[in-house]
Amino acid sequence: ILHLIPSGILHDHKICIIGNGVVFDPKVFLQELKEL
């Protein structure tokens, strides 16, 4: 389950972007990165 990071993160050779229209929680971002 991904809440913030784009779903494409699971695939090889992709570029994943969190755009300017998103509101960004850095704590959640770092936790998702850790779990991934």
All heavy atoms as atom14 arrays in JSON, in Angstrom:
{
  "sequence": "ILHLIPSGILHDHKICIIGNGVVFDPKVFLQELKEL",
  "atom14_mask": [
    [1, 1, 1, 1, 1, 1, 1, 1, 0, 0, 0, 0, 0, 0],
    [1, 1, 1, 1, 1, 1, 1, 1, 0, 0, 0, 0, 0, 0],
    [1, 1, 1, 1, 1, 1, 1, 1, 1, 1, 0, 0, 0, 0],
    [1, 1, 1, 1, 1, 1, 1, 1, 0, 0, 0, 0, 0, 0],
    [1, 1, 1, 1, 1, 1, 1, 1, 0, 0, 0, 0, 0, 0],
    [1, 1, 1, 1, 1, 1, 1, 0, 0, 0, 0, 0, 0, 0],
    [1, 1, 1, 1, 1, 1, 0, 0, 0, 0, 0, 0, 0, 0],
    [1, 1, 1, 1, 0, 0, 0, 0, 0, 0, 0, 0, 0, 0],
    [1, 1, 1, 1, 1, 1, 1, 1, 0, 0, 0, 0, 0, 0],
    [1, 1, 1, 1, 1, 1, 1, 1, 0, 0, 0, 0, 0, 0],
    [1, 1, 1, 1, 1, 1, 1, 1, 1, 1, 0, 0, 0, 0],
    [1, 1, 1, 1, 1, 1, 1, 1, 0, 0, 0, 0, 0, 0],
    [1, 1, 1, 1, 1, 1, 1, 1, 1, 1, 0, 0, 0, 0],
    [1, 1, 1, 1, 1, 1, 1, 1, 1, 0, 0, 0, 0, 0],
    [1, 1, 1, 1, 1, 1, 1, 1, 0, 0, 0, 0, 0, 0],
    [1, 1, 1, 1, 1, 1, 0, 0, 0, 0, 0, 0, 0, 0],
    [1, 1, 1, 1, 1, 1, 1, 1, 0, 0, 0, 0, 0, 0],
    [1, 1, 1, 1, 1, 1, 1, 1, 0, 0, 0, 0, 0, 0],
    [1, 1, 1, 1, 0, 0, 0, 0, 0, 0, 0, 0, 0, 0],
    [1, 1, 1, 1, 1, 1, 1, 1, 0, 0, 0, 0, 0, 0],
    [1, 1, 1, 1, 0, 0, 0, 0, 0, 0, 0, 0, 0, 0],
    [1, 1, 1, 1, 1, 1, 1, 0, 0, 0, 0, 0, 0, 0],
    [1, 1, 1, 1, 1, 1, 1, 0, 0, 0, 0, 0, 0, 0],
    [1, 1, 1, 1, 1, 1, 1, 1, 1, 1, 1, 0, 0, 0],
    [1, 1, 1, 1, 1, 1, 1, 1, 0, 0, 0, 0, 0, 0],
    [1, 1, 1, 1, 1, 1, 1, 0, 0, 0, 0, 0, 0, 0],
    [1, 1, 1, 1, 1, 1, 1, 1, 1, 0, 0, 0, 0, 0],
    [1, 1, 1, 1, 1, 1, 1, 0, 0, 0, 0, 0, 0, 0],
    [1, 1, 1, 1, 1, 1, 1, 1, 1, 1, 1, 0, 0, 0],
    [1, 1, 1, 1, 1, 1, 1, 1, 0, 0, 0, 0, 0, 0],
    [1, 1, 1, 1, 1, 1, 1, 1, 1, 0, 0, 0, 0, 0],
    [1, 1, 1, 1, 1, 1, 1, 1, 1, 0, 0, 0, 0, 0],
    [1, 1, 1, 1, 1, 1, 1, 1, 0, 0, 0, 0, 0, 0],
    [1, 1, 1, 1, 1, 1, 1, 1, 1, 0, 0, 0, 0, 0],
    [1, 1, 1, 1, 1, 1, 1, 1, 1, 0, 0, 0, 0, 0],
    [1, 1, 1, 1, 1, 1, 1, 1, 0, 0, 0, 0, 0, 0]
  ],
  "atom14_positions": [
    [[0.85, -1.18, 0.0], [0.0, 0.0, 0.0], [0.89, 1.24, 0.0], [1.74, 1.41, 0.87], [-0.95, 0.03, 1.21], [-1.87, -1.19, 1.19], [-1.79, 1.3, 1.2], [-2.78, -1.3, 2.4], [0.0, 0.0, 0.0], [0.0, 0.0, 0.0], [0.0, 0.0, 0.0], [0.0, 0.0, 0.0], [0.0, 0.0, 0.0], [0.0, 0.0, 0.0]],
    [[0.7, 2.09, -1.0], [1.44, 3.34, -1.11], [0.48, 4.5, -0.9], [-0.61, 4.53, -1.5], [2.11, 3.46, -2.48], [3.18, 2.41, -2.79], [3.6, 2.52, -4.25], [4.38, 2.57, -1.87], [0.0, 0.0, 0.0], [0.0, 0.0, 0.0], [0.0, 0.0, 0.0], [0.0, 0.0, 0.0], [0.0, 0.0, 0.0], [0.0, 0.0, 0.0]],
    [[0.87, 5.45, -0.07], [0.02, 6.59, 0.23], [0.5, 7.87, -0.45], [-0.29, 8.73, -0.78], [-0.05, 6.81, 1.74], [-0.61, 5.65, 2.49], [-1.95, 5.39, 2.57], [0.0, 4.66, 3.17], [-2.15, 4.29, 3.27], [-0.99, 3.83, 3.66], [0.0, 0.0, 0.0], [0.0, 0.0, 0.0], [0.0, 0.0, 0.0], [0.0, 0.0, 0.0]],
    [[1.78, 7.99, -0.67], [2.36, 9.23, -1.18], [3.24, 9.0, -2.41], [3.13, 9.73, -3.4], [3.17, 9.91, -0.07], [3.76, 11.28, -0.37], [2.65, 12.27, -0.73], [4.53, 11.79, 0.85], [0.0, 0.0, 0.0], [0.0, 0.0, 0.0], [0.0, 0.0, 0.0], [0.0, 0.0, 0.0], [0.0, 0.0, 0.0], [0.0, 0.0, 0.0]],
    [[4.1, 8.02, -2.35], [5.03, 7.74, -3.44], [4.27, 7.14, -4.62], [3.43, 6.26, -4.43], [6.16, 6.8, -2.97], [7.01, 7.52, -1.92], [7.02, 6.34, -4.13], [8.08, 6.65, -1.28], [0.0, 0.0, 0.0], [0.0, 0.0, 0.0], [0.0, 0.0, 0.0], [0.0, 0.0, 0.0], [0.0, 0.0, 0.0], [0.0, 0.0, 0.0]],
    [[4.53, 7.59, -5.85], [3.83, 7.04, -7.02], [3.98, 5.53, -7.15], [5.03, 4.97, -6.82], [4.51, 7.77, -8.2], [5.02, 9.04, -7.61], [5.43, 8.7, -6.21], [0.0, 0.0, 0.0], [0.0, 0.0, 0.0], [0.0, 0.0, 0.0], [0.0, 0.0, 0.0], [0.0, 0.0, 0.0], [0.0, 0.0, 0.0], [0.0, 0.0, 0.0]],
    [[2.92, 4.89, -7.65], [2.88, 3.43, -7.76], [3.98, 2.87, -8.66], [4.37, 1.72, -8.52], [1.51, 2.99, -8.29], [0.47, 3.49, -7.49], [0.0, 0.0, 0.0], [0.0, 0.0, 0.0], [0.0, 0.0, 0.0], [0.0, 0.0, 0.0], [0.0, 0.0, 0.0], [0.0, 0.0, 0.0], [0.0, 0.0, 0.0], [0.0, 0.0, 0.0]],
    [[4.48, 3.68, -9.58], [5.52, 3.21, -10.49], [6.83, 2.87, -9.83], [7.73, 2.31, -10.48], [0.0, 0.0, 0.0], [0.0, 0.0, 0.0], [0.0, 0.0, 0.0], [0.0, 0.0, 0.0], [0.0, 0.0, 0.0], [0.0, 0.0, 0.0], [0.0, 0.0, 0.0], [0.0, 0.0, 0.0], [0.0, 0.0, 0.0], [0.0, 0.0, 0.0]],
    [[6.97, 3.17, -8.55], [8.22, 2.95, -7.83], [8.62, 1.48, -7.81], [9.8, 1.14, -7.62], [8.13, 3.51, -6.39], [9.53, 3.74, -5.79], [7.29, 2.59, -5.51], [10.25, 4.88, -6.42], [0.0, 0.0, 0.0], [0.0, 0.0, 0.0], [0.0, 0.0, 0.0], [0.0, 0.0, 0.0], [0.0, 0.0, 0.0], [0.0, 0.0, 0.0]],
    [[7.68, 0.58, -8.01], [7.96, -0.86, -7.94], [8.64, -1.4, -9.19], [9.05, -2.56, -9.21], [6.66, -1.63, -7.7], [5.84, -1.24, -6.47], [4.57, -2.06, -6.4], [6.63, -1.4, -5.19], [0.0, 0.0, 0.0], [0.0, 0.0, 0.0], [0.0, 0.0, 0.0], [0.0, 0.0, 0.0], [0.0, 0.0, 0.0], [0.0, 0.0, 0.0]],
    [[8.78, -0.57, -10.22], [9.27, -1.04, -11.51], [10.68, -0.54, -11.81], [11.07, 0.54, -11.39], [8.32, -0.6, -12.63], [6.94, -1.15, -12.48], [6.56, -2.35, -13.03], [5.86, -0.67, -11.85], [5.3, -2.58, -12.75], [4.84, -1.58, -12.03], [0.0, 0.0, 0.0], [0.0, 0.0, 0.0], [0.0, 0.0, 0.0], [0.0, 0.0, 0.0]],
    [[11.41, -1.32, -12.59], [12.76, -0.94, -13.01], [12.74, 0.17, -14.05], [11.78, 0.29, -14.84], [13.49, -2.15, -13.6], [13.79, -3.23, -12.57], [14.35, -2.9, -11.52], [13.46, -4.41, -12.84], [0.0, 0.0, 0.0], [0.0, 0.0, 0.0], [0.0, 0.0, 0.0], [0.0, 0.0, 0.0], [0.0, 0.0, 0.0], [0.0, 0.0, 0.0]],
    [[13.81, 0.99, -14.04], [14.06, 1.96, -15.1], [12.91, 2.96, -15.32], [12.56, 3.29, -16.45], [14.41, 1.25, -16.42], [15.56, 0.31, -16.31], [16.86, 0.73, -16.17], [15.6, -1.04, -16.29], [17.66, -0.32, -16.08], [16.92, -1.41, -16.15], [0.0, 0.0, 0.0], [0.0, 0.0, 0.0], [0.0, 0.0, 0.0], [0.0, 0.0, 0.0]],
    [[12.32, 3.42, -14.23], [11.28, 4.43, -14.3], [11.73, 5.71, -13.61], [12.65, 5.72, -12.81], [9.98, 3.93, -13.62], [9.48, 2.58, -14.12], [9.07, 2.61, -15.57], [8.61, 1.22, -16.01], [8.27, 1.18, -17.47], [0.0, 0.0, 0.0], [0.0, 0.0, 0.0], [0.0, 0.0, 0.0], [0.0, 0.0, 0.0], [0.0, 0.0, 0.0]],
    [[11.05, 6.8, -13.96], [11.18, 8.06, -13.23], [9.85, 8.31, -12.53], [8.8, 8.34, -13.18], [11.53, 9.23, -14.17], [12.91, 9.01, -14.8], [11.5, 10.55, -13.41], [13.27, 10.06, -15.85], [0.0, 0.0, 0.0], [0.0, 0.0, 0.0], [0.0, 0.0, 0.0], [0.0, 0.0, 0.0], [0.0, 0.0, 0.0], [0.0, 0.0, 0.0]],
    [[9.89, 8.47, -11.22], [8.69, 8.73, -10.44], [8.76, 10.13, -9.85], [9.79, 10.51, -9.26], [8.53, 7.69, -9.32], [8.2, 6.02, -9.92], [0.0, 0.0, 0.0], [0.0, 0.0, 0.0], [0.0, 0.0, 0.0], [0.0, 0.0, 0.0], [0.0, 0.0, 0.0], [0.0, 0.0, 0.0], [0.0, 0.0, 0.0], [0.0, 0.0, 0.0]],
    [[7.68, 10.88, -9.98], [7.67, 12.28, -9.6], [6.49, 12.59, -8.68], [5.35, 12.21, -8.96], [7.62, 13.18, -10.85], [8.97, 13.15, -11.55], [7.22, 14.61, -10.5], [8.99, 13.85, -12.9], [0.0, 0.0, 0.0], [0.0, 0.0, 0.0], [0.0, 0.0, 0.0], [0.0, 0.0, 0.0], [0.0, 0.0, 0.0], [0.0, 0.0, 0.0]],
    [[6.78, 13.28, -7.58], [5.75, 13.87, -6.74], [5.69, 15.34, -7.13], [6.61, 16.11, -6.86], [6.07, 13.7, -5.24], [6.07, 12.2, -4.88], [5.06, 14.45, -4.38], [6.49, 11.9, -3.45], [0.0, 0.0, 0.0], [0.0, 0.0, 0.0], [0.0, 0.0, 0.0], [0.0, 0.0, 0.0], [0.0, 0.0, 0.0], [0.0, 0.0, 0.0]],
    [[4.6, 15.72, -7.82], [4.51, 17.04, -8.43], [4.15, 18.15, -7.48], [3.8, 17.94, -6.31], [0.0, 0.0, 0.0], [0.0, 0.0, 0.0], [0.0, 0.0, 0.0], [0.0, 0.0, 0.0], [0.0, 0.0, 0.0], [0.0, 0.0, 0.0], [0.0, 0.0, 0.0], [0.0, 0.0, 0.0], [0.0, 0.0, 0.0], [0.0, 0.0, 0.0]],
    [[4.2, 19.36, -8.0], [3.95, 20.55, -7.21], [2.52, 20.65, -6.69], [2.25, 21.35, -5.72], [4.26, 21.8, -8.02], [3.49, 21.86, -9.34], [3.94, 21.27, -10.33], [2.35, 22.51, -9.37], [0.0, 0.0, 0.0], [0.0, 0.0, 0.0], [0.0, 0.0, 0.0], [0.0, 0.0, 0.0], [0.0, 0.0, 0.0], [0.0, 0.0, 0.0]],
    [[1.58, 19.94, -7.31], [0.19, 19.97, -6.87], [-0.11, 19.08, -5.69], [-1.22, 19.12, -5.13], [0.0, 0.0, 0.0], [0.0, 0.0, 0.0], [0.0, 0.0, 0.0], [0.0, 0.0, 0.0], [0.0, 0.0, 0.0], [0.0, 0.0, 0.0], [0.0, 0.0, 0.0], [0.0, 0.0, 0.0], [0.0, 0.0, 0.0], [0.0, 0.0, 0.0]],
    [[0.85, 18.26, -5.29], [0.71, 17.38, -4.13], [1.02, 18.16, -2.86], [1.77, 19.13, -2.89], [1.67, 16.17, -4.27], [1.63, 15.27, -3.04], [1.35, 15.37, -5.54], [0.0, 0.0, 0.0], [0.0, 0.0, 0.0], [0.0, 0.0, 0.0], [0.0, 0.0, 0.0], [0.0, 0.0, 0.0], [0.0, 0.0, 0.0], [0.0, 0.0, 0.0]],
    [[0.42, 17.78, -1.74], [0.89, 18.27, -0.44], [1.68, 17.13, 0.21], [1.24, 15.99, 0.23], [-0.25, 18.77, 0.46], [-0.74, 20.13, -0.01], [-1.41, 17.8, 0.54], [0.0, 0.0, 0.0], [0.0, 0.0, 0.0], [0.0, 0.0, 0.0], [0.0, 0.0, 0.0], [0.0, 0.0, 0.0], [0.0, 0.0, 0.0], [0.0, 0.0, 0.0]],
    [[2.84, 17.47, 0.74], [3.9, 16.51, 0.99], [4.21, 16.41, 2.48], [4.55, 17.41, 3.12], [5.14, 16.96, 0.21], [6.38, 16.12, 0.41], [6.51, 14.9, -0.22], [7.41, 16.59, 1.2], [7.65, 14.15, -0.05], [8.56, 15.84, 1.38], [8.69, 14.61, 0.75], [0.0, 0.0, 0.0], [0.0, 0.0, 0.0], [0.0, 0.0, 0.0]],
    [[4.09, 15.22, 3.03], [4.47, 14.96, 4.42], [5.81, 14.23, 4.41], [5.88, 13.06, 4.06], [3.4, 14.11, 5.11], [3.61, 14.02, 6.62], [4.79, 13.94, 7.04], [2.62, 14.0, 7.38], [0.0, 0.0, 0.0], [0.0, 0.0, 0.0], [0.0, 0.0, 0.0], [0.0, 0.0, 0.0], [0.0, 0.0, 0.0], [0.0, 0.0, 0.0]],
    [[6.9, 14.92, 4.78], [8.22, 14.28, 4.69], [8.38, 13.07, 5.6], [9.11, 12.13, 5.25], [9.19, 15.41, 5.08], [8.36, 16.39, 5.84], [6.99, 16.3, 5.27], [0.0, 0.0, 0.0], [0.0, 0.0, 0.0], [0.0, 0.0, 0.0], [0.0, 0.0, 0.0], [0.0, 0.0, 0.0], [0.0, 0.0, 0.0], [0.0, 0.0, 0.0]],
    [[7.69, 13.08, 6.74], [7.78, 11.93, 7.65], [7.19, 10.69, 7.0], [7.77, 9.6, 7.06], [7.05, 12.25, 8.95], [7.18, 11.16, 10.02], [6.49, 11.58, 11.31], [6.63, 10.5, 12.39], [5.97, 10.93, 13.66], [0.0, 0.0, 0.0], [0.0, 0.0, 0.0], [0.0, 0.0, 0.0], [0.0, 0.0, 0.0], [0.0, 0.0, 0.0]],
    [[6.03, 10.84, 6.35], [5.4, 9.73, 5.65], [6.26, 9.28, 4.47], [6.44, 8.08, 4.23], [3.99, 10.13, 5.17], [3.39, 9.05, 4.26], [3.07, 10.39, 6.36], [0.0, 0.0, 0.0], [0.0, 0.0, 0.0], [0.0, 0.0, 0.0], [0.0, 0.0, 0.0], [0.0, 0.0, 0.0], [0.0, 0.0, 0.0], [0.0, 0.0, 0.0]],
    [[6.8, 10.24, 3.75], [7.67, 9.94, 2.61], [8.85, 9.07, 3.03], [9.14, 8.04, 2.41], [8.16, 11.25, 2.0], [9.14, 11.11, 0.87], [8.71, 10.76, -0.41], [10.49, 11.33, 1.08], [9.62, 10.64, -1.46], [11.4, 11.22, 0.04], [10.97, 10.88, -1.23], [0.0, 0.0, 0.0], [0.0, 0.0, 0.0], [0.0, 0.0, 0.0]],
    [[9.51, 9.47, 4.1], [10.69, 8.73, 4.57], [10.31, 7.35, 5.08], [11.06, 6.38, 4.89], [11.4, 9.54, 5.65], [12.09, 10.82, 5.16], [12.5, 11.7, 6.33], [13.3, 10.47, 4.3], [0.0, 0.0, 0.0], [0.0, 0.0, 0.0], [0.0, 0.0, 0.0], [0.0, 0.0, 0.0], [0.0, 0.0, 0.0], [0.0, 0.0, 0.0]],
    [[9.16, 7.23, 5.73], [8.7, 5.93, 6.21], [8.4, 4.99, 5.05], [8.76, 3.81, 5.08], [7.46, 6.1, 7.1], [6.92, 4.79, 7.69], [7.91, 4.06, 8.56], [8.71, 4.68, 9.28], [7.91, 2.72, 8.5], [0.0, 0.0, 0.0], [0.0, 0.0, 0.0], [0.0, 0.0, 0.0], [0.0, 0.0, 0.0], [0.0, 0.0, 0.0]],
    [[7.74, 5.51, 3.99], [7.45, 4.68, 2.83], [8.74, 4.25, 2.13], [8.87, 3.11, 1.69], [6.54, 5.43, 1.85], [5.11, 5.53, 2.32], [4.12, 5.94, 1.24], [4.52, 6.08, 0.07], [2.94, 6.14, 1.56], [0.0, 0.0, 0.0], [0.0, 0.0, 0.0], [0.0, 0.0, 0.0], [0.0, 0.0, 0.0], [0.0, 0.0, 0.0]],
    [[9.69, 5.16, 2.02], [10.99, 4.82, 1.44], [11.64, 3.69, 2.21], [12.18, 2.75, 1.62], [11.92, 6.04, 1.46], [11.89, 6.99, 0.27], [12.89, 8.11, 0.5], [12.22, 6.25, -1.02], [0.0, 0.0, 0.0], [0.0, 0.0, 0.0], [0.0, 0.0, 0.0], [0.0, 0.0, 0.0], [0.0, 0.0, 0.0], [0.0, 0.0, 0.0]],
    [[11.61, 3.8, 3.53], [12.21, 2.78, 4.4], [11.57, 1.42, 4.15], [12.27, 0.41, 3.99], [12.06, 3.2, 5.85], [12.65, 2.23, 6.88], [12.54, 2.86, 8.29], [13.15, 1.93, 9.36], [12.34, 0.81, 9.68], [0.0, 0.0, 0.0], [0.0, 0.0, 0.0], [0.0, 0.0, 0.0], [0.0, 0.0, 0.0], [0.0, 0.0, 0.0]],
    [[10.24, 1.38, 4.11], [9.54, 0.12, 3.91], [9.8, -0.46, 2.53], [9.97, -1.68, 2.38], [8.04, 0.34, 4.13], [7.68, 0.65, 5.58], [6.23, 1.03, 5.78], [5.48, 1.04, 4.77], [5.83, 1.33, 6.93], [0.0, 0.0, 0.0], [0.0, 0.0, 0.0], [0.0, 0.0, 0.0], [0.0, 0.0, 0.0], [0.0, 0.0, 0.0]],
    [[9.85, 0.39, 1.51], [10.14, -0.08, 0.16], [11.54, -0.66, 0.07], [11.75, -1.72, -0.52], [9.98, 1.06, -0.84], [8.55, 1.51, -1.14], [8.56, 2.83, -1.89], [7.79, 0.46, -1.94], [0.0, 0.0, 0.0], [0.0, 0.0, 0.0], [0.0, 0.0, 0.0], [0.0, 0.0, 0.0], [0.0, 0.0, 0.0], [0.0, 0.0, 0.0]]
  ]
}
